C-alpha cells in the first residue's frame, strides 16, 4: 500500500431516481472520495472482478453476512470497489444478493491506480484489475490495511487470506 490517505478521485455511479420512468430508473451521479468516505468509519475492500468465483462465492458474501456485526462494532458503511463499470456492479449485486454493502464502480481503474493496486491480469483476458485488499478507514485516513501477498502484474495466484471479512472482524474485536 503506497498511500496513507485515500486518493481524491471522482467515481461515476448510478443512483435510483424514481422520477425517471421505465424499467431503468437510474441516473448518473459523480461522487468524490470525500463524498463517499469523509466523516464515516468505513470498511473498504477491493477485489479483481465482479462475477468471478472467489469474489462472488466467498469475498462479498462473507462481508454481506457479517455486515450487521460490523455495524454494531461502530462501522458506518462497508464498500466494495472493483475495476468494473456501474452496470456490471449493479447486476452483480443483484445476482449475489447484496443488501448491506455499497458496490462502488471504478470503471476506469483511476482510484485503484492511485492506490497502487492496479495490476495486469491480461493473461486471463481481464485486462487491468485491482489486487485484493481491505481497509479500515477513519474518514479518508487508512487506519489499517490488509493487503494480500504477491501484489504484482501477472500474479500466478489470486489469494484471499487477509482481505476477508473474518480477518477484519478479528482485528476490530482486538484479536
N, C-alpha and C. Protein backbone atom coordinates (compact mmCIF):
# COMPACT_ATOMS: atom_id res chain seq x y z
N UNK A 1 0.87 -1.17 0.00
CA UNK A 1 0.00 0.00 0.00
C UNK A 1 0.91 1.22 0.00
N UNK A 2 0.71 2.06 -0.97
CA UNK A 2 1.58 3.22 -1.13
C UNK A 2 1.00 4.50 -0.54
N UNK A 3 -0.21 4.47 -0.03
CA UNK A 3 -0.84 5.70 0.45
C UNK A 3 -1.29 5.54 1.90
N UNK A 4 -1.40 6.68 2.59
CA UNK A 4 -1.93 6.69 3.95
C UNK A 4 -3.34 7.26 4.00
N UNK A 5 -3.69 7.99 2.93
CA UNK A 5 -4.98 8.64 2.82
C UNK A 5 -5.56 8.28 1.45
N UNK A 6 -6.85 8.07 1.39
CA UNK A 6 -7.48 7.73 0.11
C UNK A 6 -7.25 8.84 -0.92
N UNK A 7 -6.99 8.47 -2.16
CA UNK A 7 -6.80 9.48 -3.20
C UNK A 7 -8.11 10.19 -3.53
N UNK A 8 -7.99 11.43 -3.93
CA UNK A 8 -9.15 12.24 -4.30
C UNK A 8 -9.48 11.98 -5.76
N UNK A 9 -10.51 11.17 -6.00
CA UNK A 9 -10.94 10.86 -7.36
C UNK A 9 -12.45 11.00 -7.46
N UNK A 10 -12.94 10.97 -8.68
CA UNK A 10 -14.37 11.00 -8.94
C UNK A 10 -14.81 9.62 -9.42
N UNK A 11 -15.84 9.09 -8.79
CA UNK A 11 -16.44 7.82 -9.18
C UNK A 11 -17.70 8.12 -9.97
N UNK A 12 -17.89 7.44 -11.08
CA UNK A 12 -19.08 7.60 -11.91
C UNK A 12 -20.07 6.52 -11.49
N UNK A 13 -21.06 6.92 -10.70
CA UNK A 13 -22.02 5.97 -10.14
C UNK A 13 -23.40 6.17 -10.75
N UNK A 14 -24.25 5.19 -10.54
CA UNK A 14 -25.65 5.27 -10.95
C UNK A 14 -26.48 5.23 -9.68
N UNK A 15 -27.46 6.12 -9.58
CA UNK A 15 -28.34 6.15 -8.42
C UNK A 15 -29.79 6.08 -8.88
N UNK A 16 -30.58 5.43 -8.05
CA UNK A 16 -32.00 5.29 -8.36
C UNK A 16 -32.66 6.66 -8.29
N UNK A 17 -33.51 6.93 -9.28
CA UNK A 17 -34.25 8.19 -9.34
C UNK A 17 -35.66 7.86 -9.80
N UNK A 18 -36.60 7.83 -8.84
CA UNK A 18 -37.97 7.41 -9.15
C UNK A 18 -38.70 8.38 -10.07
N UNK A 19 -38.12 9.54 -10.34
CA UNK A 19 -38.76 10.47 -11.28
C UNK A 19 -38.51 10.05 -12.74
N UNK A 20 -37.63 9.08 -12.93
CA UNK A 20 -37.33 8.58 -14.28
C UNK A 20 -38.26 7.42 -14.57
N UNK A 21 -39.05 7.51 -15.64
CA UNK A 21 -39.98 6.42 -15.96
C UNK A 21 -39.26 5.23 -16.60
N UNK A 22 -39.94 4.09 -16.61
CA UNK A 22 -39.43 2.92 -17.31
C UNK A 22 -38.76 1.91 -16.40
N UNK A 23 -38.13 0.93 -17.05
CA UNK A 23 -37.52 -0.19 -16.34
C UNK A 23 -36.13 0.12 -15.77
N UNK A 24 -35.59 1.28 -16.12
CA UNK A 24 -34.24 1.62 -15.68
C UNK A 24 -34.22 3.02 -15.04
N UNK A 25 -34.84 3.14 -13.85
CA UNK A 25 -34.95 4.46 -13.21
C UNK A 25 -33.67 4.89 -12.49
N UNK A 26 -32.58 4.98 -13.21
CA UNK A 26 -31.30 5.37 -12.63
C UNK A 26 -30.70 6.52 -13.43
N UNK A 27 -29.94 7.35 -12.74
CA UNK A 27 -29.23 8.45 -13.41
C UNK A 27 -27.78 8.43 -12.95
N UNK A 28 -26.95 9.05 -13.75
CA UNK A 28 -25.53 9.16 -13.40
C UNK A 28 -25.36 10.19 -12.29
N UNK A 29 -24.48 9.88 -11.35
CA UNK A 29 -24.12 10.83 -10.31
C UNK A 29 -22.64 10.65 -9.99
N UNK A 30 -21.88 11.69 -10.25
CA UNK A 30 -20.46 11.65 -9.91
C UNK A 30 -20.32 11.91 -8.43
N UNK A 31 -19.49 11.08 -7.78
CA UNK A 31 -19.27 11.22 -6.34
C UNK A 31 -17.77 11.17 -6.08
N UNK A 32 -17.30 12.08 -5.26
CA UNK A 32 -15.87 12.13 -4.94
C UNK A 32 -15.56 11.16 -3.80
N UNK A 33 -14.29 10.92 -3.61
CA UNK A 33 -13.85 10.11 -2.49
C UNK A 33 -14.36 10.72 -1.18
N UNK A 34 -14.26 12.04 -1.06
CA UNK A 34 -14.73 12.71 0.16
C UNK A 34 -16.24 12.53 0.33
N UNK A 35 -17.01 12.63 -0.76
CA UNK A 35 -18.46 12.41 -0.67
C UNK A 35 -18.77 11.06 -0.05
N UNK A 36 -17.99 10.07 -0.42
CA UNK A 36 -18.26 8.70 -0.01
C UNK A 36 -17.73 8.35 1.38
N UNK A 37 -16.59 8.93 1.76
CA UNK A 37 -15.92 8.44 2.96
C UNK A 37 -15.71 9.45 4.08
N UNK A 38 -15.67 10.74 3.78
CA UNK A 38 -15.39 11.75 4.82
C UNK A 38 -16.43 11.67 5.94
N UNK A 39 -15.95 11.71 7.18
CA UNK A 39 -16.85 11.72 8.33
C UNK A 39 -17.45 10.38 8.67
N UNK A 40 -16.98 9.33 8.04
CA UNK A 40 -17.53 7.99 8.30
C UNK A 40 -16.40 7.04 8.69
N UNK A 41 -16.76 6.07 9.50
CA UNK A 41 -15.86 4.95 9.77
C UNK A 41 -16.30 3.84 8.82
N UNK A 42 -15.38 3.44 7.96
CA UNK A 42 -15.74 2.54 6.87
C UNK A 42 -14.80 1.35 6.77
N UNK A 43 -15.33 0.30 6.18
CA UNK A 43 -14.51 -0.79 5.67
C UNK A 43 -14.60 -0.67 4.16
N UNK A 44 -13.46 -0.64 3.52
CA UNK A 44 -13.38 -0.63 2.07
C UNK A 44 -12.57 -1.86 1.67
N UNK A 45 -13.17 -2.70 0.82
CA UNK A 45 -12.39 -3.82 0.33
C UNK A 45 -12.48 -3.85 -1.19
N UNK A 46 -11.42 -4.38 -1.78
CA UNK A 46 -11.33 -4.41 -3.23
C UNK A 46 -11.05 -5.83 -3.70
N UNK A 47 -11.51 -6.10 -4.89
CA UNK A 47 -11.35 -7.42 -5.47
C UNK A 47 -11.20 -7.30 -6.98
N UNK A 48 -10.73 -8.36 -7.63
CA UNK A 48 -10.41 -8.27 -9.06
C UNK A 48 -11.61 -8.11 -10.00
N UNK A 49 -12.71 -8.80 -9.74
CA UNK A 49 -13.76 -8.77 -10.76
C UNK A 49 -15.11 -9.22 -10.24
N UNK A 50 -16.12 -8.47 -10.60
CA UNK A 50 -17.49 -8.92 -10.37
C UNK A 50 -17.70 -10.22 -11.15
N UNK A 51 -18.53 -11.07 -10.62
CA UNK A 51 -18.92 -12.34 -11.24
C UNK A 51 -17.84 -13.41 -11.23
N UNK A 52 -16.63 -13.10 -10.74
CA UNK A 52 -15.60 -14.14 -10.68
C UNK A 52 -15.90 -15.05 -9.48
N UNK A 53 -15.47 -16.31 -9.53
CA UNK A 53 -15.86 -17.27 -8.49
C UNK A 53 -15.47 -16.88 -7.06
N UNK A 54 -14.23 -16.54 -6.81
CA UNK A 54 -13.81 -16.22 -5.44
C UNK A 54 -14.54 -14.98 -4.93
N UNK A 55 -14.68 -13.98 -5.79
CA UNK A 55 -15.34 -12.74 -5.39
C UNK A 55 -16.82 -12.97 -5.09
N UNK A 56 -17.47 -13.75 -5.95
CA UNK A 56 -18.92 -13.98 -5.84
C UNK A 56 -19.30 -15.02 -4.81
N UNK A 57 -18.44 -16.01 -4.62
CA UNK A 57 -18.78 -17.12 -3.73
C UNK A 57 -18.27 -16.95 -2.31
N UNK A 58 -17.23 -16.12 -2.12
CA UNK A 58 -16.61 -16.03 -0.80
C UNK A 58 -16.44 -14.60 -0.30
N UNK A 59 -15.73 -13.77 -1.08
CA UNK A 59 -15.33 -12.45 -0.58
C UNK A 59 -16.54 -11.58 -0.24
N UNK A 60 -17.39 -11.32 -1.21
CA UNK A 60 -18.56 -10.46 -0.98
C UNK A 60 -19.60 -11.11 -0.06
N UNK A 61 -19.95 -12.38 -0.25
CA UNK A 61 -20.97 -12.96 0.63
C UNK A 61 -20.61 -12.92 2.11
N UNK A 62 -19.34 -13.10 2.45
CA UNK A 62 -18.98 -13.10 3.86
C UNK A 62 -19.05 -11.69 4.46
N UNK A 63 -18.66 -10.68 3.70
CA UNK A 63 -18.85 -9.30 4.19
C UNK A 63 -20.33 -9.01 4.35
N UNK A 64 -21.14 -9.46 3.41
CA UNK A 64 -22.60 -9.28 3.50
C UNK A 64 -23.14 -9.97 4.75
N UNK A 65 -22.69 -11.18 4.99
CA UNK A 65 -23.13 -11.97 6.14
C UNK A 65 -22.80 -11.28 7.47
N UNK A 66 -21.63 -10.66 7.54
CA UNK A 66 -21.17 -10.05 8.79
C UNK A 66 -21.50 -8.55 8.89
N UNK A 67 -22.23 -8.02 7.95
CA UNK A 67 -22.49 -6.58 7.90
C UNK A 67 -23.09 -6.05 9.20
N UNK A 68 -24.10 -6.71 9.72
CA UNK A 68 -24.73 -6.22 10.96
C UNK A 68 -23.75 -6.23 12.13
N UNK A 69 -22.90 -7.24 12.19
CA UNK A 69 -21.88 -7.30 13.24
C UNK A 69 -20.92 -6.12 13.13
N UNK A 70 -20.50 -5.82 11.90
CA UNK A 70 -19.61 -4.67 11.70
C UNK A 70 -20.29 -3.38 12.13
N UNK A 71 -21.56 -3.23 11.82
CA UNK A 71 -22.29 -2.02 12.21
C UNK A 71 -22.33 -1.88 13.73
N UNK A 72 -22.53 -3.00 14.43
CA UNK A 72 -22.54 -2.98 15.90
C UNK A 72 -21.18 -2.62 16.49
N UNK A 73 -20.12 -2.83 15.70
CA UNK A 73 -18.77 -2.50 16.14
C UNK A 73 -18.35 -1.08 15.74
N UNK A 74 -19.32 -0.28 15.30
CA UNK A 74 -19.05 1.11 15.01
C UNK A 74 -18.70 1.44 13.56
N UNK A 75 -18.88 0.50 12.68
CA UNK A 75 -18.64 0.75 11.25
C UNK A 75 -19.90 1.37 10.66
N UNK A 76 -19.73 2.45 9.94
CA UNK A 76 -20.87 3.14 9.32
C UNK A 76 -21.25 2.55 7.97
N UNK A 77 -20.27 2.05 7.24
CA UNK A 77 -20.56 1.52 5.91
C UNK A 77 -19.48 0.54 5.49
N UNK A 78 -19.89 -0.38 4.62
CA UNK A 78 -18.97 -1.35 4.03
C UNK A 78 -19.05 -1.16 2.53
N UNK A 79 -17.91 -0.87 1.92
CA UNK A 79 -17.85 -0.54 0.50
C UNK A 79 -16.93 -1.53 -0.20
N UNK A 80 -17.42 -2.06 -1.29
CA UNK A 80 -16.63 -2.96 -2.14
C UNK A 80 -16.35 -2.24 -3.45
N UNK A 81 -15.08 -2.06 -3.77
CA UNK A 81 -14.70 -1.38 -5.02
C UNK A 81 -14.06 -2.40 -5.96
N UNK A 82 -14.38 -2.28 -7.23
CA UNK A 82 -13.79 -3.15 -8.25
C UNK A 82 -13.64 -2.37 -9.55
N UNK A 83 -12.68 -2.79 -10.35
CA UNK A 83 -12.50 -2.17 -11.66
C UNK A 83 -13.52 -2.79 -12.61
N UNK A 84 -14.74 -2.36 -12.42
CA UNK A 84 -15.89 -2.74 -13.25
C UNK A 84 -16.77 -1.50 -13.38
N UNK A 85 -17.60 -1.46 -14.40
CA UNK A 85 -18.48 -0.31 -14.58
C UNK A 85 -19.72 -0.42 -13.70
N UNK A 86 -20.46 0.67 -13.62
CA UNK A 86 -21.64 0.73 -12.76
C UNK A 86 -22.71 -0.29 -13.13
N UNK A 87 -22.86 -0.57 -14.42
CA UNK A 87 -23.88 -1.52 -14.85
C UNK A 87 -23.53 -2.93 -14.39
N UNK A 88 -22.27 -3.31 -14.52
CA UNK A 88 -21.82 -4.62 -14.08
C UNK A 88 -21.96 -4.75 -12.57
N UNK A 89 -21.54 -3.73 -11.84
CA UNK A 89 -21.63 -3.78 -10.38
C UNK A 89 -23.08 -3.93 -9.92
N UNK A 90 -23.99 -3.23 -10.58
CA UNK A 90 -25.41 -3.31 -10.23
C UNK A 90 -25.95 -4.72 -10.45
N UNK A 91 -25.70 -5.27 -11.62
CA UNK A 91 -26.21 -6.61 -11.92
C UNK A 91 -25.57 -7.67 -11.04
N UNK A 92 -24.30 -7.51 -10.76
CA UNK A 92 -23.60 -8.44 -9.89
C UNK A 92 -24.19 -8.40 -8.49
N UNK A 93 -24.46 -7.20 -7.98
CA UNK A 93 -25.07 -7.06 -6.66
C UNK A 93 -26.40 -7.78 -6.57
N UNK A 94 -27.21 -7.66 -7.62
CA UNK A 94 -28.48 -8.37 -7.66
C UNK A 94 -28.26 -9.88 -7.66
N UNK A 95 -27.30 -10.33 -8.44
CA UNK A 95 -27.03 -11.77 -8.58
C UNK A 95 -26.56 -12.39 -7.26
N UNK A 96 -25.68 -11.71 -6.54
CA UNK A 96 -25.15 -12.29 -5.29
C UNK A 96 -25.97 -11.88 -4.05
N UNK A 97 -27.02 -11.09 -4.24
CA UNK A 97 -27.92 -10.75 -3.14
C UNK A 97 -27.38 -9.71 -2.17
N UNK A 98 -26.64 -8.74 -2.68
CA UNK A 98 -26.09 -7.68 -1.83
C UNK A 98 -27.21 -6.76 -1.35
N UNK A 99 -27.28 -6.59 -0.04
CA UNK A 99 -28.26 -5.69 0.56
C UNK A 99 -27.62 -4.67 1.50
N UNK A 100 -26.47 -5.03 2.08
CA UNK A 100 -25.85 -4.21 3.11
C UNK A 100 -24.52 -3.60 2.73
N UNK A 101 -24.05 -3.87 1.54
CA UNK A 101 -22.78 -3.33 1.07
C UNK A 101 -23.05 -2.31 -0.01
N UNK A 102 -22.14 -1.37 -0.16
CA UNK A 102 -22.21 -0.44 -1.29
C UNK A 102 -21.17 -0.90 -2.31
N UNK A 103 -21.61 -1.25 -3.50
CA UNK A 103 -20.73 -1.69 -4.57
C UNK A 103 -20.31 -0.47 -5.38
N UNK A 104 -19.04 -0.14 -5.31
CA UNK A 104 -18.52 1.08 -5.90
C UNK A 104 -17.77 0.77 -7.19
N UNK A 105 -18.25 1.29 -8.32
CA UNK A 105 -17.57 1.04 -9.58
C UNK A 105 -16.37 1.96 -9.78
N UNK A 106 -15.25 1.35 -10.13
CA UNK A 106 -14.04 2.08 -10.51
C UNK A 106 -13.74 1.68 -11.95
N UNK A 107 -14.68 1.99 -12.83
CA UNK A 107 -14.66 1.51 -14.20
C UNK A 107 -13.38 1.75 -14.97
N UNK A 108 -12.75 2.87 -14.76
CA UNK A 108 -11.50 3.18 -15.47
C UNK A 108 -10.26 2.84 -14.65
N UNK A 109 -10.45 2.36 -13.44
CA UNK A 109 -9.33 1.97 -12.59
C UNK A 109 -8.53 3.14 -12.04
N UNK A 110 -9.10 4.34 -12.07
CA UNK A 110 -8.37 5.53 -11.61
C UNK A 110 -8.08 5.45 -10.11
N UNK A 111 -9.09 5.15 -9.32
CA UNK A 111 -8.90 5.03 -7.87
C UNK A 111 -7.88 3.93 -7.57
N UNK A 112 -8.07 2.79 -8.20
CA UNK A 112 -7.20 1.64 -7.97
C UNK A 112 -5.75 1.95 -8.34
N UNK A 113 -5.55 2.65 -9.43
CA UNK A 113 -4.20 3.04 -9.84
C UNK A 113 -3.58 3.97 -8.80
N UNK A 114 -4.33 4.97 -8.33
CA UNK A 114 -3.81 5.89 -7.32
C UNK A 114 -3.55 5.20 -5.98
N UNK A 115 -4.24 4.12 -5.73
CA UNK A 115 -4.00 3.33 -4.51
C UNK A 115 -2.73 2.49 -4.63
N UNK A 116 -2.21 2.35 -5.85
CA UNK A 116 -1.05 1.48 -6.07
C UNK A 116 -1.42 0.02 -6.18
N UNK A 117 -2.68 -0.26 -6.51
CA UNK A 117 -3.19 -1.63 -6.51
C UNK A 117 -3.65 -2.12 -7.89
N UNK A 118 -3.39 -1.36 -8.93
CA UNK A 118 -3.80 -1.76 -10.28
C UNK A 118 -2.79 -2.75 -10.83
N UNK A 119 -3.27 -3.93 -11.23
CA UNK A 119 -2.40 -4.97 -11.77
C UNK A 119 -2.90 -5.45 -13.11
N UNK A 120 -2.00 -6.00 -13.88
CA UNK A 120 -2.33 -6.53 -15.21
C UNK A 120 -2.71 -8.00 -15.08
N UNK A 121 -3.95 -8.30 -15.45
CA UNK A 121 -4.46 -9.69 -15.45
C UNK A 121 -4.82 -10.11 -16.88
N UNK A 122 -4.12 -9.52 -17.87
CA UNK A 122 -4.47 -9.77 -19.27
C UNK A 122 -4.28 -11.23 -19.68
N UNK A 123 -3.42 -11.96 -18.99
CA UNK A 123 -3.25 -13.37 -19.33
C UNK A 123 -4.52 -14.18 -19.09
N UNK A 124 -5.44 -13.62 -18.31
CA UNK A 124 -6.73 -14.25 -18.05
C UNK A 124 -7.86 -13.55 -18.83
N UNK A 125 -7.48 -12.63 -19.74
CA UNK A 125 -8.47 -11.90 -20.52
C UNK A 125 -9.20 -10.84 -19.71
N UNK A 126 -8.63 -10.41 -18.61
CA UNK A 126 -9.31 -9.47 -17.72
C UNK A 126 -8.76 -8.05 -17.81
N UNK A 127 -7.64 -7.85 -18.49
CA UNK A 127 -7.06 -6.51 -18.57
C UNK A 127 -6.54 -6.05 -17.22
N UNK A 128 -6.64 -4.76 -16.97
CA UNK A 128 -6.17 -4.17 -15.71
C UNK A 128 -7.25 -4.34 -14.64
N UNK A 129 -6.83 -4.82 -13.48
CA UNK A 129 -7.75 -5.09 -12.38
C UNK A 129 -7.14 -4.68 -11.06
N UNK A 130 -7.92 -4.79 -10.01
CA UNK A 130 -7.42 -4.49 -8.67
C UNK A 130 -6.87 -5.74 -8.01
N UNK A 131 -5.84 -5.53 -7.21
CA UNK A 131 -5.36 -6.56 -6.31
C UNK A 131 -6.30 -6.59 -5.12
N UNK A 132 -6.41 -7.71 -4.45
CA UNK A 132 -7.29 -7.81 -3.28
C UNK A 132 -6.67 -7.13 -2.05
N UNK A 133 -7.50 -6.34 -1.37
CA UNK A 133 -7.10 -5.74 -0.11
C UNK A 133 -8.35 -5.31 0.64
N UNK A 134 -8.20 -5.05 1.93
CA UNK A 134 -9.28 -4.45 2.71
C UNK A 134 -8.67 -3.39 3.60
N UNK A 135 -9.46 -2.35 3.84
CA UNK A 135 -9.00 -1.22 4.64
C UNK A 135 -10.02 -0.88 5.71
N UNK A 136 -9.52 -0.51 6.87
CA UNK A 136 -10.34 0.11 7.89
C UNK A 136 -10.05 1.60 7.79
N UNK A 137 -11.09 2.39 7.57
CA UNK A 137 -10.93 3.82 7.33
C UNK A 137 -11.54 4.65 8.44
N UNK A 138 -10.85 5.70 8.78
CA UNK A 138 -11.38 6.74 9.64
C UNK A 138 -11.49 7.97 8.74
N UNK A 139 -12.66 8.17 8.18
CA UNK A 139 -12.82 9.19 7.14
C UNK A 139 -12.00 8.78 5.94
N UNK A 140 -11.10 9.65 5.51
CA UNK A 140 -10.25 9.36 4.35
C UNK A 140 -8.92 8.74 4.74
N UNK A 141 -8.68 8.66 6.04
CA UNK A 141 -7.40 8.13 6.54
C UNK A 141 -7.46 6.62 6.69
N UNK A 142 -6.42 5.95 6.20
CA UNK A 142 -6.34 4.50 6.32
C UNK A 142 -5.78 4.16 7.70
N UNK A 143 -6.62 3.54 8.51
CA UNK A 143 -6.23 3.16 9.87
C UNK A 143 -5.52 1.81 9.87
N UNK A 144 -6.02 0.87 9.06
CA UNK A 144 -5.41 -0.47 9.00
C UNK A 144 -5.62 -1.01 7.58
N UNK A 145 -4.59 -1.62 7.03
CA UNK A 145 -4.66 -2.20 5.69
C UNK A 145 -4.30 -3.68 5.75
N UNK A 146 -5.09 -4.47 5.07
CA UNK A 146 -4.81 -5.89 4.89
C UNK A 146 -4.67 -6.13 3.39
N UNK A 147 -3.44 -6.31 2.94
CA UNK A 147 -3.15 -6.49 1.51
C UNK A 147 -2.68 -7.92 1.29
N UNK A 148 -3.29 -8.58 0.34
CA UNK A 148 -2.90 -9.95 0.03
C UNK A 148 -1.45 -9.99 -0.45
N UNK A 149 -0.74 -11.05 -0.12
CA UNK A 149 0.65 -11.24 -0.56
C UNK A 149 0.68 -11.48 -2.07
N UNK A 150 1.80 -11.09 -2.67
CA UNK A 150 2.01 -11.40 -4.08
C UNK A 150 1.59 -10.32 -5.05
N UNK A 151 1.40 -9.09 -4.56
CA UNK A 151 0.98 -7.98 -5.40
C UNK A 151 1.97 -7.76 -6.54
N UNK A 152 1.56 -8.08 -7.76
CA UNK A 152 2.39 -7.91 -8.94
C UNK A 152 1.54 -8.11 -10.19
N UNK A 153 1.98 -7.53 -11.28
CA UNK A 153 1.35 -7.84 -12.56
C UNK A 153 1.52 -9.33 -12.84
N UNK A 154 0.54 -9.91 -13.49
CA UNK A 154 0.58 -11.31 -13.93
C UNK A 154 0.80 -12.28 -12.77
N UNK A 155 0.25 -11.95 -11.60
CA UNK A 155 0.39 -12.82 -10.43
C UNK A 155 -0.17 -14.21 -10.75
N UNK A 156 0.53 -15.25 -10.34
CA UNK A 156 0.07 -16.60 -10.65
C UNK A 156 -1.11 -17.06 -9.79
N UNK A 157 -1.38 -16.33 -8.70
CA UNK A 157 -2.48 -16.71 -7.82
C UNK A 157 -3.37 -15.51 -7.53
N UNK A 158 -4.50 -15.78 -6.93
CA UNK A 158 -5.46 -14.75 -6.51
C UNK A 158 -5.85 -15.06 -5.06
N UNK A 159 -4.96 -14.77 -4.12
CA UNK A 159 -5.22 -15.18 -2.73
C UNK A 159 -6.35 -14.40 -2.06
N UNK A 160 -7.01 -15.08 -1.16
CA UNK A 160 -8.00 -14.47 -0.27
C UNK A 160 -7.70 -15.00 1.13
N UNK A 161 -6.68 -14.40 1.75
CA UNK A 161 -6.23 -14.87 3.06
C UNK A 161 -6.31 -13.80 4.14
N UNK A 162 -6.12 -12.51 3.79
CA UNK A 162 -6.12 -11.46 4.80
C UNK A 162 -7.10 -10.33 4.50
N UNK A 163 -7.64 -10.27 3.29
CA UNK A 163 -8.58 -9.19 2.97
C UNK A 163 -10.03 -9.63 3.20
N UNK A 164 -10.20 -10.78 3.78
CA UNK A 164 -11.51 -11.36 4.02
C UNK A 164 -12.21 -10.70 5.22
N UNK A 165 -13.49 -10.92 5.30
CA UNK A 165 -14.31 -10.31 6.37
C UNK A 165 -13.92 -10.82 7.75
N UNK A 166 -13.54 -12.09 7.86
CA UNK A 166 -13.21 -12.62 9.18
C UNK A 166 -11.93 -12.02 9.74
N UNK A 167 -10.96 -11.74 8.88
CA UNK A 167 -9.74 -11.09 9.35
C UNK A 167 -10.06 -9.67 9.85
N UNK A 168 -10.88 -8.95 9.12
CA UNK A 168 -11.28 -7.60 9.56
C UNK A 168 -12.05 -7.66 10.86
N UNK A 169 -12.94 -8.61 10.98
CA UNK A 169 -13.72 -8.76 12.20
C UNK A 169 -12.82 -9.05 13.39
N UNK A 170 -11.88 -9.94 13.22
CA UNK A 170 -10.95 -10.26 14.31
C UNK A 170 -10.13 -9.03 14.71
N UNK A 171 -9.71 -8.24 13.73
CA UNK A 171 -8.98 -7.01 14.03
C UNK A 171 -9.84 -6.05 14.85
N UNK A 172 -11.08 -5.87 14.42
CA UNK A 172 -11.98 -4.94 15.12
C UNK A 172 -12.30 -5.41 16.54
N UNK A 173 -12.33 -6.71 16.73
CA UNK A 173 -12.58 -7.25 18.05
C UNK A 173 -11.33 -7.33 18.91
N UNK A 174 -10.17 -6.97 18.31
CA UNK A 174 -8.94 -6.93 19.07
C UNK A 174 -8.22 -8.24 19.22
N UNK A 175 -8.51 -9.17 18.33
CA UNK A 175 -7.83 -10.47 18.40
C UNK A 175 -6.58 -10.47 17.58
